Amino acid sequence: MAKLLALQATMPQVWLGGNIQFRRFSVVQLEKDGVARRIIAAIKAQVHSGAYRPGDRLPSTRVFAAEWGASRTTVTAAYSQLDAEGYLIIRPGARAIVASGLEAPSMETPLATAQPRNLSAFARRLVALPAPAEMQPAKLADFRYGDLSGADFPVLAWRRASNKAILRRPARLRYGDPQGSLDARGALQGYLWRARGINCTPDQIVIVNGSQQGLDLCARLLLDPGDPFVIENPGYLLARNAFAAAGGIAVPVAVDADGLRTDALPPARLACVTPSHQFPLGSVLSATRRRALLAWAKATGAYIVEDDYDGEYRHDISPIPPLQALDPDAVIYIGTLSKTLSPTLRLGYLVVPASLTRAFSEAKRLTDRHAPMLEQDILGDLLASGAYERHVRSIRRKNAERREALLQALSEHLGAGVSVAGADTGLHVVAWMNGIDADREPAVIAAARAAGIGLYPVSPLYDPTEPRPETAGFILGYAGLDVEALRRGVAMLATVLAAHR
């Protein structure tokens, strides 16, 4: 009876007009009946907690119904569902009993500290990586890089293309080509030729779920455990993590005002670079170093993974041509729509050498079959109609205005107290805070957060085995903020920094 009362305490009775509600019930109605669902949940909870143990008998349906104020038909249906799920054993003429094998788990080890069993080497490498920084909303201005303004999204163009794509849906819905829709890849081929000077065929294009999946595919297909890979220092942390999770050994190579240092590149299976806008410092790989990097790849047999994450944004002259245009057989080009449309869409693409198309196609098939087809159809329409390029020209102007407002505010409020790097291209700058030591970064970030400012340091992007800068530096993304928010944010940031100089 105590167990029945405990069950009853977890299950509110259903009343209607002051009287208990009774109704005819069938198993077919089970999903629609809240009383039955709550009975099932309550009994499961008692089994999981150990209140009911294997072999224990439950009250008869008549007793249960009387105690709970439910109809016997409802209780019978709930018992039958639990029998079907393997929680109870029901025999004619006998009370239901709890099935064997449902002992409550031992609580000797707290779940939060329990160790997983039988993890693969890949999983062990994955969980050993540093945990990502938690996102904390900032009320005044969040300088998080990678964010875009929601007001910039081309709602009308997207809606028109979406309606067209939905209306011309095929008679049969089926899985598509793992490399992506042929129409979308054909439209991308034309765009890449016009905008980036890339000469490829649609067969060389693989549409992926964002550039991060592209990096992961490169890591899995080009690296074996123990293989070295060249990575920029500082560089994109999630690229480094993707290659490290695959078992690769990072070989950090320093960058300077001309991009990656190519004077002493070590042998490696691949090099991951951001030549059009080095992340995070913003330098552009010089022509001399481009040739040196391609010569290194040819001499060692390595591939170059070119992450062109924001190549559309060059604020003074035309965008810098990609490495892929110089040597299509050695370079895997990664592009993304996360910096032009939205990071929430998870749309990106690879241009791979012809010799690698089969491997990437099969890897994509095993990963997730293919990227969402509706979004691909919409993208193909935007590209074919010219709407996408009109949108890029529009947001390039808007972000140039944001960049100018940010630089002007930094100059007005911080003056000689800040040195700005990487402002010629992209959607962020790096601000080195002169007179503030790097070990003060956590305190500055905390004070900025208290003042409503989201601030993100450069230091975590440096290889932990290499020396880090002595001056505090922060990445200031500006594409997600309007001009007034940028000005207010920098003004408040100046106030925060004044207390730490």
Protein backbone atom coordinates (compact mmCIF):
# COMPACT_ATOMS: atom_id res chain seq x y z
CA MET A 1 0.00 0.00 0.00
CA ALA A 2 2.91 2.40 0.74
CA LYS A 3 4.22 1.93 -2.79
CA LEU A 4 0.79 2.56 -4.21
CA LEU A 5 0.49 5.76 -2.18
CA ALA A 6 3.92 6.83 -3.44
CA LEU A 7 2.77 6.24 -6.99
CA GLN A 8 -0.42 8.12 -6.32
CA ALA A 9 1.53 11.10 -5.00
CA THR A 10 3.30 11.43 -8.36
CA MET A 11 0.04 11.27 -10.32
CA PRO A 12 -2.47 14.14 -10.07
CA GLN A 13 -6.08 13.00 -10.35
CA VAL A 14 -8.21 14.24 -13.20
CA TRP A 15 -11.31 16.15 -12.09
CA LEU A 16 -14.23 17.43 -14.09
CA GLY A 17 -16.98 19.50 -12.49
CA GLY A 18 -16.02 18.31 -9.01
CA ASN A 19 -16.30 14.62 -9.89
CA ILE A 20 -13.59 12.21 -10.96
CA GLN A 21 -13.60 11.89 -14.76
CA PHE A 22 -14.20 8.35 -16.06
CA ARG A 23 -14.09 7.40 -19.72
CA ARG A 24 -13.98 4.40 -21.99
CA PHE A 25 -10.42 3.75 -23.10
CA SER A 26 -8.58 1.65 -25.68
CA VAL A 27 -4.86 1.03 -26.27
CA VAL A 28 -5.17 2.94 -29.53
CA GLN A 29 -6.02 6.03 -27.47
CA LEU A 30 -3.01 5.62 -25.21
CA GLU A 31 -0.95 8.41 -26.74
CA LYS A 32 -3.90 10.79 -26.46
CA ASP A 33 -4.71 10.02 -22.82
CA GLY A 34 -2.76 12.08 -20.31
CA VAL A 35 -3.83 9.94 -17.35
CA ALA A 36 -2.48 6.73 -18.87
CA ARG A 37 0.77 8.43 -19.84
CA ARG A 38 1.29 9.71 -16.32
CA ILE A 39 0.52 6.26 -14.85
CA ILE A 40 3.14 4.73 -17.14
CA ALA A 41 5.71 7.41 -16.27
CA ALA A 42 5.05 7.05 -12.54
CA ILE A 43 5.48 3.25 -12.56
CA LYS A 44 8.68 3.54 -14.62
CA ALA A 45 10.04 6.09 -12.14
CA GLN A 46 9.32 3.73 -9.23
CA VAL A 47 11.08 0.87 -11.05
CA HIS A 48 14.12 3.01 -11.91
CA SER A 49 14.41 4.31 -8.37
CA GLY A 50 14.30 0.81 -6.88
CA ALA A 51 10.96 1.26 -5.10
CA TYR A 52 9.69 -1.60 -7.26
CA ARG A 53 12.25 -4.36 -7.81
CA PRO A 54 12.27 -7.30 -10.22
CA GLY A 55 9.68 -9.85 -9.09
CA ASP A 56 7.60 -7.36 -7.09
CA ARG A 57 3.85 -7.52 -7.71
CA LEU A 58 1.88 -4.45 -8.65
CA PRO A 59 -1.63 -3.82 -7.30
CA SER A 60 -4.46 -5.31 -9.32
CA THR A 61 -5.97 -3.04 -11.95
CA ARG A 62 -9.13 -2.77 -9.84
CA VAL A 63 -7.24 -1.63 -6.71
CA PHE A 64 -4.99 0.66 -8.71
CA ALA A 65 -7.95 2.30 -10.44
CA ALA A 66 -9.79 2.83 -7.16
CA GLU A 67 -6.79 4.39 -5.43
CA TRP A 68 -5.91 6.68 -8.34
CA GLY A 69 -9.40 7.73 -9.23
CA ALA A 70 -8.97 6.49 -12.81
CA SER A 71 -11.00 4.05 -14.85
CA ARG A 72 -9.97 0.41 -14.75
CA THR A 73 -9.78 0.46 -18.56
CA THR A 74 -7.18 3.21 -18.39
CA VAL A 75 -5.06 1.30 -15.85
CA THR A 76 -5.36 -1.92 -17.88
CA ALA A 77 -4.14 -0.11 -21.00
CA ALA A 78 -1.21 1.39 -19.06
CA TYR A 79 -0.23 -2.04 -17.69
CA SER A 80 -0.45 -3.50 -21.19
CA GLN A 81 1.85 -0.80 -22.55
CA LEU A 82 4.39 -1.49 -19.79
CA ASP A 83 4.16 -5.18 -20.58
CA ALA A 84 4.88 -4.45 -24.25
CA GLU A 85 7.90 -2.35 -23.30
CA GLY A 86 9.29 -5.10 -21.07
CA TYR A 87 8.74 -3.42 -17.72
CA LEU A 88 6.01 -5.79 -16.51
CA ILE A 89 5.08 -9.43 -16.98
CA ILE A 90 1.34 -10.06 -17.20
CA ARG A 91 -0.17 -13.55 -16.96
CA PRO A 92 -3.89 -14.42 -17.03
CA GLY A 93 -5.41 -14.55 -13.54
CA ALA A 94 -2.29 -13.14 -11.83
CA ARG A 95 -1.16 -9.70 -10.78
CA ALA A 96 1.44 -7.98 -12.92
CA ILE A 97 5.02 -8.34 -11.73
CA VAL A 98 8.14 -6.27 -12.47
CA ALA A 99 10.31 -7.91 -15.11
CA SER A 100 13.81 -9.12 -14.30
CA GLY A 101 16.89 -7.12 -15.28
CA LEU A 102 15.46 -3.80 -14.11
CA GLU A 103 17.44 -3.39 -10.92
CA ALA A 104 18.04 0.23 -9.92
CA PRO A 105 21.58 1.38 -10.88
CA SER A 106 24.14 1.62 -8.12
CA MET A 107 24.67 5.20 -6.98
CA GLU A 108 28.15 4.59 -5.60
CA THR A 109 29.64 6.61 -8.48
CA PRO A 110 27.90 9.94 -9.22
CA LEU A 111 26.69 10.11 -12.79
CA ALA A 112 28.60 13.32 -13.40
CA THR A 113 31.93 11.60 -12.68
CA ALA A 114 31.15 8.18 -14.11
CA GLN A 115 33.73 7.04 -16.66
CA PRO A 116 32.52 5.93 -20.09
CA ARG A 117 33.32 2.37 -21.12
CA ASN A 118 34.94 1.03 -24.28
CA LEU A 119 35.60 4.34 -25.98
CA SER A 120 37.50 4.24 -29.26
CA ALA A 121 40.86 5.95 -29.58
CA PHE A 122 39.12 8.68 -31.58
CA ALA A 123 36.62 9.29 -28.77
CA ARG A 124 39.38 9.38 -26.16
CA ARG A 125 41.25 12.00 -28.16
CA LEU A 126 38.03 13.93 -28.59
CA VAL A 127 37.13 14.14 -24.89
CA ALA A 128 40.72 15.08 -24.04
CA LEU A 129 40.46 18.28 -26.08
CA PRO A 130 39.94 21.52 -24.12
CA ALA A 131 36.30 22.32 -23.47
CA PRO A 132 34.93 25.20 -25.57
CA ALA A 133 34.29 28.52 -23.89
CA GLU A 134 30.74 28.97 -22.67
CA MET A 135 28.62 31.57 -24.45
CA GLN A 136 27.48 34.34 -22.13
CA PRO A 137 25.11 36.98 -23.50
CA ALA A 138 26.29 40.59 -23.33
CA LYS A 139 23.66 43.29 -22.95
CA LEU A 140 25.51 46.30 -24.38
CA ALA A 141 27.78 44.92 -27.12
CA ASP A 142 28.98 41.39 -27.85
CA PHE A 143 32.16 41.41 -29.95
CA ARG A 144 31.99 37.67 -30.59
CA TYR A 145 33.56 36.96 -33.97
CA GLY A 146 31.63 34.80 -36.43
CA ASP A 147 28.25 36.35 -35.58
CA LEU A 148 26.21 38.12 -38.27
CA SER A 149 23.42 40.65 -37.93
CA GLY A 150 20.01 39.04 -38.30
CA ALA A 151 18.83 42.22 -40.06
CA ASP A 152 21.27 41.49 -42.91
CA PHE A 153 19.70 38.16 -43.88
CA PRO A 154 18.03 38.38 -47.33
CA VAL A 155 14.57 37.42 -46.12
CA LEU A 156 12.62 38.29 -49.27
CA ALA A 157 15.06 36.65 -51.68
CA TRP A 158 15.26 33.56 -49.49
CA ARG A 159 11.47 33.36 -49.20
CA ARG A 160 10.99 33.58 -52.96
CA ALA A 161 13.61 30.92 -53.64
CA SER A 162 12.20 28.73 -50.86
CA ASN A 163 8.67 28.90 -52.25
CA LYS A 164 9.91 27.95 -55.70
CA ALA A 165 11.91 25.04 -54.33
CA ILE A 166 8.95 23.71 -52.34
CA LEU A 167 6.49 24.01 -55.22
CA ARG A 168 8.69 22.09 -57.63
CA ARG A 169 9.22 19.21 -55.22
CA PRO A 170 9.64 15.88 -57.02
CA ALA A 171 6.98 13.19 -57.15
CA ARG A 172 9.21 10.88 -55.11
CA LEU A 173 11.25 12.00 -52.12
CA ARG A 174 14.53 10.11 -52.03
CA TYR A 175 18.13 10.38 -50.91
CA GLY A 176 20.30 12.48 -53.20
CA ASP A 177 23.88 12.56 -54.38
CA PRO A 178 26.22 12.70 -51.36
CA GLN A 179 28.21 15.46 -53.07
CA GLY A 180 25.09 17.59 -53.34
CA SER A 181 22.45 18.63 -55.81
CA LEU A 182 23.82 18.84 -59.34
CA ASP A 183 21.94 22.10 -59.91
CA ALA A 184 23.40 23.64 -56.76
CA ARG A 185 26.91 22.45 -57.61
CA GLY A 186 26.56 23.78 -61.14
CA ALA A 187 25.49 27.18 -59.80
CA LEU A 188 28.37 27.13 -57.31
CA GLN A 189 30.82 26.35 -60.08
CA GLY A 190 29.79 29.49 -61.96
CA TYR A 191 29.89 31.64 -58.83
CA LEU A 192 33.34 30.44 -57.80
CA TRP A 193 34.68 31.22 -61.25
CA ARG A 194 33.19 34.73 -61.23
CA ALA A 195 33.91 35.64 -57.61
CA ARG A 196 37.06 33.70 -56.72
CA GLY A 197 38.72 32.74 -60.01
CA ILE A 198 38.39 29.01 -59.30
CA ASN A 199 38.20 26.81 -62.39
CA CYS A 200 36.61 23.47 -61.48
CA THR A 201 33.89 21.06 -62.56
CA PRO A 202 30.70 20.34 -60.58
CA ASP A 203 32.11 16.86 -59.92
CA GLN A 204 34.89 18.44 -57.84
CA ILE A 205 32.43 20.22 -55.54
CA VAL A 206 31.13 18.60 -52.34
CA ILE A 207 28.40 20.48 -50.47
CA VAL A 208 28.84 19.99 -46.73
CA ASN A 209 27.19 21.02 -43.47
CA GLY A 210 29.38 24.04 -42.90
CA SER A 211 33.13 24.40 -43.28
CA GLN A 212 33.66 22.50 -40.02
CA GLN A 213 32.38 19.30 -41.62
CA GLY A 214 34.72 19.98 -44.52
CA LEU A 215 37.66 20.17 -42.11
CA ASP A 216 36.55 16.96 -40.40
CA LEU A 217 36.34 15.10 -43.72
CA CYS A 218 39.83 16.30 -44.63
CA ALA A 219 41.15 15.11 -41.28
CA ARG A 220 39.61 11.64 -41.59
CA LEU A 221 40.63 11.12 -45.21
CA LEU A 222 44.14 12.59 -45.21
CA LEU A 223 45.56 11.72 -41.78
CA ASP A 224 46.40 8.51 -39.97
CA PRO A 225 47.17 8.49 -36.23
CA GLY A 226 50.66 9.84 -35.70
CA ASP A 227 50.82 11.81 -38.97
CA PRO A 228 52.12 15.38 -38.62
CA PHE A 229 50.10 18.32 -39.91
CA VAL A 230 51.13 21.96 -40.26
CA ILE A 231 48.82 24.46 -38.58
CA GLU A 232 49.12 28.23 -38.29
CA ASN A 233 50.12 29.61 -34.89
CA PRO A 234 47.92 31.28 -33.81
CA GLY A 235 45.17 29.64 -35.80
CA TYR A 236 41.62 28.38 -35.95
CA LEU A 237 41.16 26.18 -32.89
CA LEU A 238 38.41 23.95 -34.32
CA ALA A 239 40.57 23.13 -37.35
CA ARG A 240 43.43 22.12 -35.09
CA ASN A 241 41.04 20.06 -32.95
CA ALA A 242 39.56 18.27 -35.98
CA PHE A 243 43.00 17.13 -37.15
CA ALA A 244 44.13 16.26 -33.63
CA ALA A 245 40.99 14.20 -33.00
CA ALA A 246 41.82 12.17 -36.12
CA GLY A 247 45.16 11.33 -34.51
CA GLY A 248 47.31 13.91 -36.25
CA ILE A 249 50.27 15.53 -34.53
CA ALA A 250 50.17 19.33 -34.70
CA VAL A 251 53.27 21.13 -36.00
CA PRO A 252 52.59 24.80 -35.23
CA VAL A 253 54.21 27.29 -37.61
CA ALA A 254 54.35 30.98 -36.75
CA VAL A 255 52.67 33.70 -38.78
CA ASP A 256 53.69 37.32 -39.28
CA ALA A 257 52.62 40.30 -41.36
CA ASP A 258 53.06 38.24 -44.56
CA GLY A 259 51.15 35.21 -43.30
CA LEU A 260 52.49 31.71 -42.64
CA ARG A 261 56.28 31.49 -42.29
CA THR A 262 57.35 29.21 -45.14
CA ASP A 263 61.13 29.42 -44.69
CA ALA A 264 61.40 26.20 -42.67
CA LEU A 265 58.30 24.09 -43.21
CA PRO A 266 58.75 20.54 -41.86
CA PRO A 267 57.57 17.38 -43.68
CA ALA A 268 53.86 16.74 -43.06
CA ARG A 269 50.82 15.07 -44.58
CA LEU A 270 48.91 18.34 -44.92
CA ALA A 271 48.98 22.03 -44.08
CA CYS A 272 45.84 23.92 -43.04
CA VAL A 273 46.07 27.62 -43.88
CA THR A 274 43.91 30.75 -44.16
CA PRO A 275 45.86 32.62 -46.86
CA SER A 276 43.27 35.23 -47.87
CA HIS A 277 42.74 36.43 -44.29
CA GLN A 278 44.85 34.68 -41.68
CA PHE A 279 42.76 33.73 -38.69
CA PRO A 280 42.91 35.47 -36.29
CA LEU A 281 45.67 38.03 -37.00
CA GLY A 282 44.36 39.08 -40.41
CA SER A 283 47.50 39.02 -42.57
CA VAL A 284 47.38 38.01 -46.24
CA LEU A 285 49.81 35.34 -47.44
CA SER A 286 52.28 37.08 -49.73
CA ALA A 287 52.84 36.00 -53.34
CA THR A 288 56.34 34.78 -52.52
CA ARG A 289 55.13 32.62 -49.65
CA ARG A 290 52.24 31.27 -51.72
CA ARG A 291 54.70 29.94 -54.25
CA ALA A 292 56.94 28.58 -51.48
CA LEU A 293 54.01 26.79 -49.83
CA LEU A 294 52.90 25.19 -53.11
CA ALA A 295 56.50 24.13 -53.84
CA TRP A 296 56.67 22.52 -50.38
CA ALA A 297 53.44 20.60 -51.05
CA LYS A 298 54.79 19.34 -54.38
CA ALA A 299 58.11 18.29 -52.86
CA THR A 300 56.59 16.46 -49.87
CA GLY A 301 53.42 15.11 -51.48
CA ALA A 302 51.31 16.95 -48.91
CA TYR A 303 47.90 18.50 -49.50
CA ILE A 304 47.07 22.08 -48.62
CA VAL A 305 43.69 22.65 -46.95
CA GLU A 306 42.72 26.24 -47.78
CA ASP A 307 40.09 27.58 -45.41
CA ASP A 308 38.65 30.61 -47.21
CA TYR A 309 36.22 31.42 -44.43
CA ASP A 310 35.55 35.09 -45.29
CA GLY A 311 37.28 35.64 -48.63
CA GLU A 312 34.37 37.73 -49.94
CA TYR A 313 35.25 40.61 -47.61
CA ARG A 314 38.09 42.76 -48.87
CA HIS A 315 37.41 46.39 -47.99
CA ASP A 316 39.98 48.26 -50.07
CA ILE A 317 40.53 46.22 -53.24
CA SER A 318 39.10 43.09 -54.87
CA PRO A 319 39.25 39.85 -52.84
CA ILE A 320 42.60 38.04 -52.91
CA PRO A 321 42.65 35.06 -55.35
CA PRO A 322 42.77 31.68 -53.59
CA LEU A 323 45.67 29.23 -53.58
CA GLN A 324 43.46 26.70 -55.33
CA ALA A 325 43.58 28.76 -58.52
CA LEU A 326 47.38 28.31 -58.60
CA ASP A 327 47.50 24.53 -58.08
CA PRO A 328 44.13 22.71 -58.20
CA ASP A 329 45.80 19.30 -57.77
CA ALA A 330 47.45 20.15 -54.45
CA VAL A 331 44.83 22.35 -52.77
CA ILE A 332 41.51 21.42 -51.15
CA TYR A 333 39.46 24.59 -51.06
CA ILE A 334 36.89 25.10 -48.25
CA GLY A 335 34.22 27.77 -48.58
CA THR A 336 31.26 28.63 -46.39
CA LEU A 337 28.00 30.56 -46.43
CA SER A 338 28.22 31.16 -42.68
CA LYS A 339 29.82 34.58 -43.22
CA THR A 340 27.52 35.73 -46.03
CA LEU A 341 24.08 34.25 -45.28
CA SER A 342 23.96 32.74 -41.78
CA PRO A 343 25.99 30.35 -39.59
CA THR A 344 22.69 28.71 -38.62
CA LEU A 345 22.17 27.32 -42.14
CA ARG A 346 25.20 25.01 -41.85
CA LEU A 347 26.03 25.20 -45.55
CA GLY A 348 29.56 25.02 -46.92
CA TYR A 349 31.39 23.43 -49.79
CA LEU A 350 34.67 21.83 -50.79
CA VAL A 351 36.48 21.99 -54.11
CA VAL A 352 38.70 18.90 -54.15
CA PRO A 353 41.27 17.63 -56.66
CA ALA A 354 39.72 15.27 -59.20
CA SER A 355 41.73 12.38 -57.75
CA LEU A 356 39.99 12.78 -54.38
CA THR A 357 36.36 13.10 -55.45
CA ARG A 358 35.50 9.43 -54.91
CA ALA A 359 36.97 9.36 -51.41
CA PHE A 360 35.19 12.54 -50.32
CA SER A 361 31.91 11.45 -51.89
CA GLU A 362 31.90 8.12 -50.05
CA ALA A 363 32.97 9.72 -46.78
CA LYS A 364 30.13 12.23 -47.05
CA ARG A 365 27.68 9.41 -47.81
CA LEU A 366 28.69 7.55 -44.63
CA THR A 367 28.66 10.69 -42.51
CA ASP A 368 25.13 11.94 -43.19
CA ARG A 369 24.12 10.86 -46.72
CA HIS A 370 24.08 14.47 -47.99
CA ALA A 371 23.43 18.04 -46.91
CA PRO A 372 19.74 19.11 -46.71
CA MET A 373 18.35 19.16 -50.23
CA LEU A 374 15.81 21.97 -49.76
CA GLU A 375 18.51 24.43 -48.65
CA GLN A 376 20.66 23.32 -51.57
CA ASP A 377 17.82 24.01 -54.00
CA ILE A 378 17.31 27.45 -52.46
CA LEU A 379 21.02 28.21 -52.69
CA GLY A 380 21.12 27.08 -56.31
CA ASP A 381 18.25 29.43 -57.16
CA LEU A 382 19.87 32.38 -55.34
CA LEU A 383 23.13 31.79 -57.21
CA ALA A 384 21.52 31.26 -60.61
CA SER A 385 19.29 34.35 -60.32
CA GLY A 386 22.10 36.65 -59.18
CA ALA A 387 20.33 37.33 -55.88
CA TYR A 388 23.20 35.88 -53.87
CA GLU A 389 25.83 38.12 -55.42
CA ARG A 390 23.61 41.18 -54.99
CA HIS A 391 23.27 40.22 -51.34
CA VAL A 392 27.05 39.84 -50.96
CA ARG A 393 27.63 43.30 -52.45
CA SER A 394 25.05 44.75 -50.07
CA ILE A 395 26.45 43.24 -46.88
CA ARG A 396 29.99 44.03 -47.99
CA ARG A 397 29.01 47.72 -47.95
CA LYS A 398 27.24 47.38 -44.60
CA ASN A 399 30.16 45.65 -42.97
CA ALA A 400 32.56 48.20 -44.39
CA GLU A 401 30.51 50.85 -42.57
CA ARG A 402 30.64 48.81 -39.36
CA ARG A 403 34.39 48.36 -39.73
CA GLU A 404 34.89 52.10 -40.22
CA ALA A 405 32.76 52.88 -37.15
CA LEU A 406 34.74 50.39 -35.05
CA LEU A 407 38.12 51.71 -36.14
CA GLN A 408 37.04 55.30 -35.58
CA ALA A 409 35.72 54.49 -32.11
CA LEU A 410 38.92 52.65 -31.16
CA SER A 411 40.96 55.63 -32.30
CA GLU A 412 38.81 58.16 -30.44
CA HIS A 413 38.51 56.30 -27.15
CA LEU A 414 41.80 54.37 -26.93
CA GLY A 415 44.20 56.23 -29.20
CA ALA A 416 47.77 55.05 -28.69
CA GLY A 417 46.52 52.55 -26.13
CA VAL A 418 45.49 50.11 -28.86
CA SER A 419 47.22 48.59 -31.89
CA VAL A 420 44.82 47.18 -34.48
CA ALA A 421 45.74 44.30 -36.81
CA GLY A 422 43.90 42.62 -39.68
CA ALA A 423 41.51 45.45 -40.52
CA ASP A 424 41.90 45.37 -44.31
CA THR A 425 39.74 42.30 -44.84
CA GLY A 426 37.30 39.97 -43.09
CA LEU A 427 34.74 40.63 -40.36
CA HIS A 428 36.92 41.10 -37.29
CA VAL A 429 40.03 42.90 -36.11
CA VAL A 430 42.58 42.05 -33.44
CA ALA A 431 43.09 44.78 -30.85
CA TRP A 432 46.35 44.64 -28.88
CA MET A 433 45.94 46.59 -25.64
CA ASN A 434 49.19 48.45 -25.14
CA GLY A 435 50.21 48.71 -21.52
CA ILE A 436 48.12 45.73 -20.37
CA ASP A 437 49.93 42.44 -19.75
CA ALA A 438 48.49 39.23 -21.18
CA ASP A 439 48.04 37.78 -17.70
CA ARG A 440 45.44 40.50 -17.07
CA GLU A 441 43.14 39.14 -19.81
CA PRO A 442 40.85 37.13 -17.47
CA ALA A 443 40.31 40.13 -15.21
CA VAL A 444 39.61 42.43 -18.16
CA ILE A 445 37.14 39.93 -19.64
CA ALA A 446 35.31 39.59 -16.31
CA ALA A 447 35.09 43.36 -15.85
CA ALA A 448 33.89 43.81 -19.41
CA ARG A 449 31.25 41.15 -18.92
CA ALA A 450 30.00 42.90 -15.80
CA ALA A 451 29.72 46.09 -17.88
CA GLY A 452 27.71 44.32 -20.58
CA ILE A 453 30.56 43.78 -23.04
CA GLY A 454 31.40 40.41 -24.64
CA LEU A 455 35.17 40.21 -25.05
CA TYR A 456 37.21 37.30 -26.47
CA PRO A 457 41.00 36.87 -26.10
CA VAL A 458 43.52 35.89 -28.77
CA SER A 459 45.72 33.85 -26.43
CA PRO A 460 43.70 30.55 -26.53
CA LEU A 461 44.33 30.39 -30.29
CA TYR A 462 48.08 30.00 -29.79
CA ASP A 463 49.60 26.54 -29.53
CA PRO A 464 49.96 25.73 -25.81
CA THR A 465 53.55 24.49 -26.36
CA GLU A 466 54.68 27.73 -27.97
CA PRO A 467 55.34 31.19 -26.44
CA ARG A 468 52.36 33.51 -26.31
CA PRO A 469 52.28 37.32 -26.65
CA GLU A 470 53.05 39.35 -23.56
CA THR A 471 50.43 41.98 -24.39
CA ALA A 472 46.70 41.42 -23.91
CA GLY A 473 44.90 40.99 -27.21
CA PHE A 474 41.24 40.60 -28.11
CA ILE A 475 39.35 39.62 -31.25
CA LEU A 476 36.65 42.16 -32.00
CA GLY A 477 33.98 40.88 -34.35
CA TYR A 478 31.76 43.61 -35.74
CA ALA A 479 29.39 41.97 -38.27
CA GLY A 480 26.74 41.19 -35.64
CA LEU A 481 26.45 44.75 -34.29
CA ASP A 482 25.01 47.98 -35.62
CA VAL A 483 27.04 51.18 -35.75
CA GLU A 484 25.63 52.65 -32.54
CA ALA A 485 26.23 49.45 -30.59
CA LEU A 486 29.83 49.42 -31.81
CA ARG A 487 30.38 52.99 -30.62
CA ARG A 488 28.77 52.42 -27.24
CA GLY A 489 30.63 49.15 -26.81
CA VAL A 490 34.05 50.67 -27.49
CA ALA A 491 33.32 53.62 -25.20
CA MET A 492 32.44 51.27 -22.35
CA LEU A 493 35.44 49.06 -23.18
CA ALA A 494 37.72 52.10 -22.83
CA THR A 495 36.32 52.73 -19.36
CA VAL A 496 36.95 49.10 -18.37
CA LEU A 497 40.51 49.13 -19.73
CA ALA A 498 41.38 52.36 -17.92
CA ALA A 499 41.17 50.50 -14.62
CA HIS A 500 43.65 47.83 -15.79
CA ARG A 501 46.47 49.91 -17.25
